[in-house]
């Protein structure tokens, strides 16, 4: 990779240009025409990926393609693809045997339609906090959210957005979340201390979001269309997924257990093994587009990193840092922009962790506050970008555009506001007692 000192402004901006190309092709074009379904995200990523390979100088074409392929085939990416495959199989199979109908019917009988979205958000917060992964929460609740939206006459993106927001609440706070581990280790502080610091930022944002969901849902009329009757025993596959997820079991095992329980119940209720296999196969095939998008995004971002785009960002963003508030602002901006370029909040935290620690020591920022800023800000960006793994998975399972949830993602914006307020007013105050009010 290029050395940081060798990257000029022109080369740095050129290295980052594939991100700009993608955002213009997908987000800007979609906004101009007013339809996020017209421009496929895969096409935008193909164009941006080709551009990334073309502008990577100093290497033969086959070497550039190798760099792209190595990034796309990283073990973390392949692991995510396994999750996508299992999620597609489980989701399709659950629909086929009637597990979705049974679960939706039970939920609508337990909750008035106007409280379904607040229930989904609260459940997503609880599950993600328990299991420490936003991906596992999305897998468990998105199919249910989509079906509940259809049955209660609501907008599918609205319901899915509630699940996404809640999933990142737990991902931000959980003791076993990879982002929590990365943030606390990079800043050399205890998880419990970071949790307490984070609570001042994440909890108010979640409470405000929950209240907003309750208010907007009460004001929204619903025409309930109850799903066809299905034996309540068919709820077991979803209960299995949720219960094992809460128990902290690996998400691949969670989904495998869900598929196994669905196959057993399907056999009991007269569904043929080959028919269920066919249904699972269709679900796996339906993940094809998502897998392609994931590989393209990972490869493109790998080329950007190789070209020195990330190093350039770190150098530029750390210039002119001044004061406690300035230091905290730069830390938040650093992790946000790197997250935008890597589409992975854990990787973003690890990438800027060392330089954030140096900034903290230079300006007397408490490491607990720094860890909180790293985790919270990265969660905001990861939730909002349409090419993040969680959003891609959720929208693929729900059959909607990756950008369709954006107008309804209230939690990340509330969290972003709390982050800004925590920097401006330097709270939690106990982490700033020794600081001068710059």
Protein backbone atom coordinates (compact mmCIF):
# COMPACT_ATOMS: atom_id res chain seq x y z
CA UNK A 1 0.00 0.00 0.00
CA UNK A 2 1.09 3.57 -0.60
CA UNK A 3 2.86 5.31 2.25
CA UNK A 4 0.80 8.08 3.85
CA UNK A 5 3.48 10.71 3.24
CA UNK A 6 3.58 9.88 -0.48
CA UNK A 7 -0.13 10.49 -1.07
CA UNK A 8 -0.78 13.91 -2.57
CA UNK A 9 -4.16 15.58 -2.38
CA UNK A 10 -4.82 14.80 -6.02
CA UNK A 11 -3.95 11.11 -5.64
CA UNK A 12 -5.91 10.87 -2.42
CA UNK A 13 -9.06 12.35 -3.90
CA UNK A 14 -8.66 10.16 -6.99
CA UNK A 15 -8.33 7.08 -4.76
CA UNK A 16 -11.61 7.99 -3.07
CA UNK A 17 -13.42 8.83 -6.30
CA UNK A 18 -15.01 5.36 -6.77
CA UNK A 19 -17.14 6.08 -3.70
CA UNK A 20 -18.25 9.36 -5.25
CA UNK A 21 -18.99 7.64 -8.57
CA UNK A 22 -21.14 5.06 -6.79
CA UNK A 23 -23.03 7.64 -4.73
CA UNK A 24 -23.73 9.77 -7.80
CA UNK A 25 -24.91 6.83 -9.89
CA UNK A 26 -27.08 5.26 -7.23
CA UNK A 27 -28.17 7.86 -4.69
CA UNK A 28 -28.09 11.10 -6.70
CA UNK A 29 -29.58 9.62 -9.88
CA UNK A 30 -32.29 7.86 -7.88
CA UNK A 31 -33.15 11.08 -6.06
CA UNK A 32 -33.32 13.01 -9.34
CA UNK A 33 -35.70 10.54 -10.99
CA UNK A 34 -37.55 9.95 -7.71
CA UNK A 35 -37.31 6.17 -7.88
CA UNK A 36 -34.72 4.01 -6.11
CA UNK A 37 -35.77 0.94 -8.11
CA UNK A 38 -34.77 2.30 -11.54
CA UNK A 39 -31.01 2.31 -10.96
CA UNK A 40 -29.90 -1.13 -9.69
CA UNK A 41 -27.31 -0.86 -6.94
CA UNK A 42 -25.35 -3.69 -8.59
CA UNK A 43 -24.95 -1.67 -11.81
CA UNK A 44 -23.75 1.37 -9.87
CA UNK A 45 -21.22 -0.81 -8.04
CA UNK A 46 -19.98 -2.43 -11.27
CA UNK A 47 -19.29 0.99 -12.80
CA UNK A 48 -17.60 2.23 -9.61
CA UNK A 49 -15.55 -0.98 -9.35
CA UNK A 50 -14.34 -0.71 -12.95
CA UNK A 51 -13.41 2.91 -12.29
CA UNK A 52 -11.52 1.88 -9.13
CA UNK A 53 -9.47 -0.68 -11.07
CA UNK A 54 -8.75 1.77 -13.91
CA UNK A 55 -7.41 4.52 -11.63
CA UNK A 56 -5.16 2.22 -9.56
CA UNK A 57 -1.80 3.18 -11.03
CA UNK A 58 1.61 1.54 -10.92
CA UNK A 59 0.37 -2.05 -11.28
CA UNK A 60 -0.49 -4.23 -14.29
CA UNK A 61 -4.15 -4.95 -14.93
CA UNK A 62 -4.01 -8.55 -13.73
CA UNK A 63 -2.48 -7.37 -10.43
CA UNK A 64 -5.26 -4.79 -9.97
CA UNK A 65 -7.90 -7.44 -10.58
CA UNK A 66 -6.11 -9.69 -8.11
CA UNK A 67 -6.27 -6.95 -5.45
CA UNK A 68 -10.00 -6.51 -6.13
CA UNK A 69 -10.60 -10.28 -5.96
CA UNK A 70 -8.59 -10.73 -2.78
CA UNK A 71 -10.63 -8.06 -1.02
CA UNK A 72 -13.90 -9.53 -2.32
CA UNK A 73 -12.87 -13.01 -1.20
CA UNK A 74 -11.80 -12.00 2.31
CA UNK A 75 -12.82 -14.52 4.98
CA UNK A 76 -15.15 -11.99 6.63
CA UNK A 77 -16.97 -11.45 3.32
CA UNK A 78 -17.31 -15.18 2.67
CA UNK A 79 -18.61 -15.67 6.20
CA UNK A 80 -21.24 -13.01 5.54
CA UNK A 81 -22.21 -14.80 2.33
CA UNK A 82 -22.78 -18.03 4.26
CA UNK A 83 -25.17 -16.11 6.49
CA UNK A 84 -26.98 -14.75 3.45
CA UNK A 85 -27.37 -18.26 2.01
CA UNK A 86 -28.73 -19.72 5.24
CA UNK A 87 -30.99 -16.69 5.78
CA UNK A 88 -32.46 -17.06 2.29
CA UNK A 89 -33.12 -20.75 2.81
CA UNK A 90 -34.76 -20.23 6.21
CA UNK A 91 -36.86 -17.27 5.11
CA UNK A 92 -38.29 -19.03 2.06
CA UNK A 93 -38.89 -22.28 3.93
CA UNK A 94 -40.65 -20.49 6.79
CA UNK A 95 -43.03 -18.86 4.33
CA UNK A 96 -43.69 -22.15 2.51
CA UNK A 97 -44.70 -24.19 5.56
CA UNK A 98 -46.84 -21.38 7.04
CA UNK A 99 -44.52 -20.35 9.89
CA UNK A 100 -44.76 -16.69 8.85
CA UNK A 101 -48.58 -16.77 8.76
CA UNK A 102 -48.69 -18.37 12.20
CA UNK A 103 -46.24 -15.86 13.69
CA UNK A 104 -47.96 -12.84 12.16
CA UNK A 105 -51.38 -14.06 13.31
CA UNK A 106 -50.07 -14.51 16.86
CA UNK A 107 -48.40 -11.08 16.88
CA UNK A 108 -51.52 -9.29 15.62
CA UNK A 109 -53.63 -10.98 18.26
CA UNK A 110 -51.14 -10.03 21.00
CA UNK A 111 -50.65 -6.41 19.90
CA UNK A 112 -53.05 -3.84 18.42
CA UNK A 113 -51.94 -2.98 14.85
CA UNK A 114 -50.97 0.56 15.86
CA UNK A 115 -48.39 -0.81 18.30
CA UNK A 116 -46.79 -3.37 15.99
CA UNK A 117 -43.94 -1.09 14.88
CA UNK A 118 -43.05 0.04 18.43
CA UNK A 119 -43.11 -3.65 19.39
CA UNK A 120 -40.74 -4.50 16.53
CA UNK A 121 -38.35 -1.69 17.49
CA UNK A 122 -38.34 -2.69 21.16
CA UNK A 123 -37.86 -6.38 20.31
CA UNK A 124 -35.02 -5.51 17.96
CA UNK A 125 -33.32 -3.41 20.66
CA UNK A 126 -33.66 -6.22 23.20
CA UNK A 127 -32.49 -9.02 20.93
CA UNK A 128 -29.51 -7.10 19.53
CA UNK A 129 -28.47 -6.05 23.04
CA UNK A 130 -28.65 -9.69 24.10
CA UNK A 131 -26.78 -11.23 21.17
CA UNK A 132 -24.43 -8.37 20.30
CA UNK A 133 -24.96 -8.55 16.56
CA UNK A 134 -27.11 -6.45 14.28
CA UNK A 135 -26.93 -9.08 11.52
CA UNK A 136 -28.43 -11.81 13.73
CA UNK A 137 -31.23 -9.48 14.78
CA UNK A 138 -32.00 -8.55 11.18
CA UNK A 139 -32.14 -12.21 10.21
CA UNK A 140 -34.50 -13.03 13.06
CA UNK A 141 -36.97 -10.15 12.71
CA UNK A 142 -36.99 -8.82 9.14
CA UNK A 143 -39.19 -11.55 7.60
CA UNK A 144 -41.64 -11.07 10.45
CA UNK A 145 -41.59 -7.28 10.02
CA UNK A 146 -42.27 -7.57 6.30
CA UNK A 147 -45.22 -9.91 6.80
CA UNK A 148 -46.64 -7.80 9.64
CA UNK A 149 -46.51 -4.73 7.41
CA UNK A 150 -48.47 -6.51 4.69
CA UNK A 151 -51.04 -7.87 7.14
CA UNK A 152 -51.58 -4.59 9.01
CA UNK A 153 -51.65 -2.34 5.96
CA UNK A 154 -48.38 -0.58 6.74
CA UNK A 155 -45.37 0.36 4.62
CA UNK A 156 -42.82 -2.46 4.47
CA UNK A 157 -39.78 -0.09 4.48
CA UNK A 158 -41.18 1.61 7.60
CA UNK A 159 -41.43 -1.68 9.48
CA UNK A 160 -38.03 -2.90 8.28
CA UNK A 161 -36.44 0.42 9.28
CA UNK A 162 -37.71 -0.10 12.84
CA UNK A 163 -35.89 -3.44 12.95
CA UNK A 164 -32.69 -1.93 11.52
CA UNK A 165 -32.67 0.93 14.02
CA UNK A 166 -33.20 -1.37 16.98
CA UNK A 167 -30.55 -3.77 15.70
CA UNK A 168 -27.92 -1.03 15.82
CA UNK A 169 -28.99 0.06 19.30
CA UNK A 170 -27.90 -3.30 20.68
CA UNK A 171 -24.89 -3.54 18.40
CA UNK A 172 -23.73 -0.25 19.91
CA UNK A 173 -24.27 -1.15 23.56
CA UNK A 174 -23.86 -4.92 23.87
CA UNK A 175 -20.86 -6.24 25.82
CA UNK A 176 -20.34 -9.02 23.28
CA UNK A 177 -20.62 -6.86 20.15
CA UNK A 178 -17.52 -6.86 17.94
CA UNK A 179 -17.73 -3.07 17.70
CA UNK A 180 -17.70 -2.76 21.49
CA UNK A 181 -14.70 -5.07 21.72
CA UNK A 182 -12.83 -3.18 18.99
CA UNK A 183 -13.60 0.25 20.49
CA UNK A 184 -12.65 -0.63 24.06
CA UNK A 185 -9.47 -2.52 23.14
CA UNK A 186 -8.25 0.24 20.84
CA UNK A 187 -8.76 2.83 23.63
CA UNK A 188 -7.59 0.56 26.46
CA UNK A 189 -10.68 0.96 28.64
CA UNK A 190 -13.15 -1.41 30.29
CA UNK A 191 -16.32 -2.50 28.51
CA UNK A 192 -18.45 -1.64 31.53
CA UNK A 193 -17.10 1.93 31.58
CA UNK A 194 -17.69 2.36 27.86
CA UNK A 195 -21.22 0.98 28.31
CA UNK A 196 -22.00 3.60 30.97
CA UNK A 197 -20.63 6.38 28.77
CA UNK A 198 -22.54 5.10 25.76
CA UNK A 199 -25.79 4.82 27.69
CA UNK A 200 -25.99 8.62 27.97
CA UNK A 201 -26.00 8.82 24.17
CA UNK A 202 -27.83 5.70 22.94
CA UNK A 203 -30.62 5.35 25.51
CA UNK A 204 -32.16 8.84 25.05
CA UNK A 205 -32.04 8.34 21.27
CA UNK A 206 -33.82 4.98 21.60
CA UNK A 207 -36.47 6.35 23.97
CA UNK A 208 -37.22 9.29 21.67
CA UNK A 209 -37.42 6.94 18.67
CA UNK A 210 -39.76 4.56 20.49
CA UNK A 211 -42.05 7.43 21.48
CA UNK A 212 -42.02 8.69 17.91
CA UNK A 213 -42.97 5.26 16.58
CA UNK A 214 -45.82 5.04 19.10
CA UNK A 215 -47.12 8.49 18.18
CA UNK A 216 -46.91 8.03 14.42
CA UNK A 217 -48.48 4.57 14.57
CA UNK A 218 -51.44 5.75 16.65
CA UNK A 219 -52.08 8.46 14.04
CA UNK A 220 -51.90 5.97 11.16
CA UNK A 221 -55.11 4.14 10.16
CA UNK A 222 -54.75 0.42 9.47
CA UNK A 223 -56.86 -1.99 7.50
CA UNK A 224 -55.99 -5.35 8.99
CA UNK A 225 -55.80 -8.31 6.67
CA UNK A 226 -55.34 -11.34 8.86
CA UNK A 227 -53.19 -14.06 7.30
CA UNK A 228 -54.64 -17.45 6.58
CA UNK A 229 -55.05 -19.67 9.62
CA UNK A 230 -52.02 -21.78 10.46
CA UNK A 231 -51.25 -24.04 13.43
CA UNK A 232 -49.59 -22.09 16.20
CA UNK A 233 -46.97 -24.82 16.50
CA UNK A 234 -45.49 -23.44 13.30
CA UNK A 235 -44.27 -20.45 15.31
CA UNK A 236 -41.56 -22.74 16.72
CA UNK A 237 -38.98 -22.09 13.94
CA UNK A 238 -39.06 -18.34 14.66
CA UNK A 239 -39.01 -18.92 18.41
CA UNK A 240 -36.03 -21.22 17.89
CA UNK A 241 -34.15 -18.56 15.94
CA UNK A 242 -34.91 -15.79 18.44
CA UNK A 243 -34.22 -17.92 21.53
CA UNK A 244 -30.91 -19.30 20.26
CA UNK A 245 -29.87 -15.84 19.08
CA UNK A 246 -30.57 -14.37 22.52
CA UNK A 247 -28.53 -17.22 24.01
CA UNK A 248 -25.54 -15.89 22.09
CA UNK A 249 -25.15 -18.85 19.73
CA UNK A 250 -23.31 -18.23 16.45
CA UNK A 251 -25.69 -16.89 13.79
CA UNK A 252 -24.88 -19.67 11.32
CA UNK A 253 -25.87 -22.26 13.94
CA UNK A 254 -28.96 -20.22 14.78
CA UNK A 255 -30.12 -20.31 11.17
CA UNK A 256 -29.24 -23.99 10.77
CA UNK A 257 -31.36 -24.82 13.83
CA UNK A 258 -34.18 -22.70 12.40
CA UNK A 259 -34.04 -24.56 9.09
CA UNK A 260 -33.93 -27.90 10.89
CA UNK A 261 -36.96 -27.12 13.05
CA UNK A 262 -38.87 -25.86 9.99
CA UNK A 263 -38.11 -29.07 8.11
CA UNK A 264 -39.29 -31.21 11.04
CA UNK A 265 -42.53 -29.26 11.48
CA UNK A 266 -43.12 -29.18 7.73
CA UNK A 267 -42.82 -32.96 7.62
CA UNK A 268 -45.23 -33.32 10.54
CA UNK A 269 -47.82 -31.16 8.78
CA UNK A 270 -47.60 -33.06 5.50
CA UNK A 271 -45.10 -31.11 3.40
CA UNK A 272 -42.82 -33.21 1.22
CA UNK A 273 -39.06 -33.11 1.72
CA UNK A 274 -38.40 -32.40 -1.96
CA UNK A 275 -40.97 -29.59 -1.99
CA UNK A 276 -39.37 -28.00 1.06
CA UNK A 277 -35.93 -28.43 -0.52
CA UNK A 278 -37.20 -26.69 -3.64
CA UNK A 279 -38.53 -23.83 -1.54
CA UNK A 280 -35.19 -23.48 0.30
CA UNK A 281 -33.38 -23.51 -3.04
CA UNK A 282 -35.51 -20.63 -4.30
CA UNK A 283 -34.65 -18.68 -1.17
CA UNK A 284 -30.94 -19.29 -1.71
CA UNK A 285 -31.24 -18.26 -5.37
CA UNK A 286 -32.99 -15.08 -4.21
CA UNK A 287 -29.83 -14.12 -2.31
CA UNK A 288 -27.82 -14.09 -5.56
CA UNK A 289 -28.18 -10.35 -6.13
CA UNK A 290 -27.25 -9.59 -2.52
CA UNK A 291 -24.14 -11.79 -2.75
CA UNK A 292 -23.05 -10.07 -5.98
CA UNK A 293 -23.52 -6.64 -4.40
CA UNK A 294 -21.51 -7.68 -1.34
CA UNK A 295 -18.62 -9.01 -3.44
CA UNK A 296 -18.55 -5.90 -5.65
CA UNK A 297 -18.62 -3.50 -2.70
CA UNK A 298 -15.89 -5.39 -0.83
CA UNK A 299 -13.65 -5.56 -3.90
CA UNK A 300 -14.11 -1.87 -4.73
CA UNK A 301 -13.37 -0.78 -1.16
CA UNK A 302 -10.30 -3.02 -1.09
CA UNK A 303 -8.93 -1.25 -4.19
CA UNK A 304 -9.63 2.14 -2.58
CA UNK A 305 -7.63 1.11 0.46
CA UNK A 306 -4.79 -0.20 -1.72
CA UNK A 307 -4.71 3.09 -3.63
CA UNK A 308 -4.16 4.96 -0.37
CA UNK A 309 -7.62 6.46 0.00
CA UNK A 310 -7.96 5.54 3.66
CA UNK A 311 -4.45 6.74 4.54
CA UNK A 312 -5.16 10.04 2.79
CA UNK A 313 -8.35 10.48 4.79
CA UNK A 314 -6.57 9.88 8.09
CA UNK A 315 -3.88 12.41 7.23
CA UNK A 316 -6.26 15.14 6.10
CA UNK A 317 -8.76 14.70 8.92
CA UNK A 318 -6.15 14.96 11.67
CA UNK A 319 -4.79 18.30 10.45
CA UNK A 320 -5.68 21.35 12.47
CA UNK A 321 -7.19 19.54 15.45
CA UNK A 322 -7.79 22.07 18.21
CA UNK A 323 -9.29 21.73 21.70
CA UNK A 324 -11.32 19.03 23.41
CA UNK A 325 -14.41 19.57 21.31
CA UNK A 326 -12.30 19.75 18.18
CA UNK A 327 -10.57 16.49 19.09
CA UNK A 328 -13.85 14.71 19.74
CA UNK A 329 -15.32 16.08 16.51
CA UNK A 330 -12.36 14.83 14.48
CA UNK A 331 -12.57 11.37 16.06
CA UNK A 332 -16.27 11.15 15.18
CA UNK A 333 -15.69 12.41 11.63
CA UNK A 334 -12.74 10.06 11.11
CA UNK A 335 -14.65 6.91 11.97
CA UNK A 336 -17.71 8.12 10.05
CA UNK A 337 -15.84 8.75 6.79
CA UNK A 338 -13.75 5.59 7.04
CA UNK A 339 -16.95 3.64 7.70
CA UNK A 340 -18.46 5.24 4.60
CA UNK A 341 -15.45 3.99 2.62
CA UNK A 342 -15.30 0.48 4.10
CA UNK A 343 -19.01 -0.28 4.73
CA UNK A 344 -17.97 -2.09 7.91
CA UNK A 345 -18.22 -0.43 11.32
CA UNK A 346 -15.85 -2.84 13.04
CA UNK A 347 -13.16 -2.36 10.38
CA UNK A 348 -13.63 1.41 10.59
CA UNK A 349 -13.11 1.38 14.37
CA UNK A 350 -9.99 -0.78 14.07
CA UNK A 351 -8.61 1.43 11.27
CA UNK A 352 -8.88 4.71 13.19
CA UNK A 353 -8.51 3.29 16.71
CA UNK A 354 -4.80 3.99 17.08
CA UNK A 355 -4.88 7.55 15.76
CA UNK A 356 -8.00 8.27 17.83
CA UNK A 357 -6.13 7.17 20.94
CA UNK A 358 -3.29 9.56 20.07
CA UNK A 359 -5.75 12.44 19.58
CA UNK A 360 -7.40 11.62 22.91
CA UNK A 361 -4.10 11.67 24.79
CA UNK A 362 -3.06 14.91 23.11
CA UNK A 363 -6.22 16.78 24.09
CA UNK A 364 -7.06 15.04 27.36
CA UNK A 365 -10.16 13.22 26.10
CA UNK A 366 -11.27 10.41 28.37
CA UNK A 367 -10.69 7.04 26.60
CA UNK A 368 -14.20 5.93 27.64
CA UNK A 369 -15.68 8.88 25.75
CA UNK A 370 -13.48 8.14 22.74
CA UNK A 371 -14.58 4.50 22.68
CA UNK A 372 -18.20 5.63 22.93
CA UNK A 373 -17.76 8.08 20.04
CA UNK A 374 -16.11 5.45 17.85
CA UNK A 375 -18.83 2.86 18.41
CA UNK A 376 -21.83 5.19 18.27
CA UNK A 377 -20.73 7.15 15.19
CA UNK A 378 -19.83 4.04 13.23
CA UNK A 379 -23.25 2.56 14.01
CA UNK A 380 -24.95 5.71 12.69
CA UNK A 381 -23.12 5.52 9.36
CA UNK A 382 -23.45 1.74 9.01
CA UNK A 383 -27.21 1.98 9.52
CA UNK A 384 -27.66 4.81 7.00
CA UNK A 385 -25.54 3.65 4.04
CA UNK A 386 -27.55 1.63 1.48
CA UNK A 387 -24.61 -0.69 0.78
CA UNK A 388 -24.03 -1.79 4.38
CA UNK A 389 -24.38 -5.53 5.00
CA UNK A 390 -27.25 -5.14 7.48
CA UNK A 391 -29.31 -2.92 5.18
CA UNK A 392 -28.64 -5.11 2.15
CA UNK A 393 -29.66 -8.23 4.06
CA UNK A 394 -32.80 -6.69 5.56
CA UNK A 395 -34.05 -5.19 2.30
CA UNK A 396 -33.25 -8.37 0.38
CA UNK A 397 -35.24 -10.48 2.84
CA UNK A 398 -38.13 -8.00 2.60
CA UNK A 399 -37.91 -7.67 -1.19
CA UNK A 400 -37.49 -3.87 -1.20
CA UNK A 401 -34.90 -1.39 -2.46
CA UNK A 402 -31.78 -0.92 -0.28
CA UNK A 403 -32.53 2.83 -0.15
CA UNK A 404 -36.25 2.52 0.60
CA UNK A 405 -35.77 2.38 4.39
CA UNK A 406 -33.73 5.60 4.48
CA UNK A 407 -36.64 8.04 5.08
CA UNK A 408 -37.80 5.95 8.07
CA UNK A 409 -34.48 5.40 9.87
CA UNK A 410 -35.29 7.61 12.84
CA UNK A 411 -32.98 5.98 15.40
CA UNK A 412 -29.63 6.65 13.68
CA UNK A 413 -30.54 10.32 13.20
CA UNK A 414 -31.58 10.58 16.85
CA UNK A 415 -28.30 8.91 17.81
CA UNK A 416 -26.35 11.31 15.57
CA UNK A 417 -28.02 14.26 17.29
CA UNK A 418 -27.11 12.88 20.72
CA UNK A 419 -23.49 12.42 19.59
CA UNK A 420 -23.34 16.07 18.48
CA UNK A 421 -24.89 17.26 21.75
CA UNK A 422 -22.45 15.15 23.77
CA UNK A 423 -19.55 16.86 22.00
CA UNK A 424 -20.96 20.38 22.26
CA UNK A 425 -21.96 20.10 25.93
CA UNK A 426 -19.19 17.64 26.90
CA UNK A 427 -21.32 14.97 28.52
CA UNK A 428 -21.27 12.65 30.35
CA UNK A 429 -19.88 15.35 32.65
CA UNK A 430 -18.04 12.86 34.85
CA UNK A 431 -15.77 12.11 31.88
CA UNK A 432 -14.93 15.79 31.46
CA UNK A 433 -14.38 17.04 35.03
CA UNK A 434 -10.67 17.64 34.47
CA UNK A 435 -11.15 19.28 31.10
CA UNK A 436 -11.20 22.95 30.41
CA UNK A 437 -14.26 24.16 28.56
CA UNK A 438 -12.68 24.99 25.23
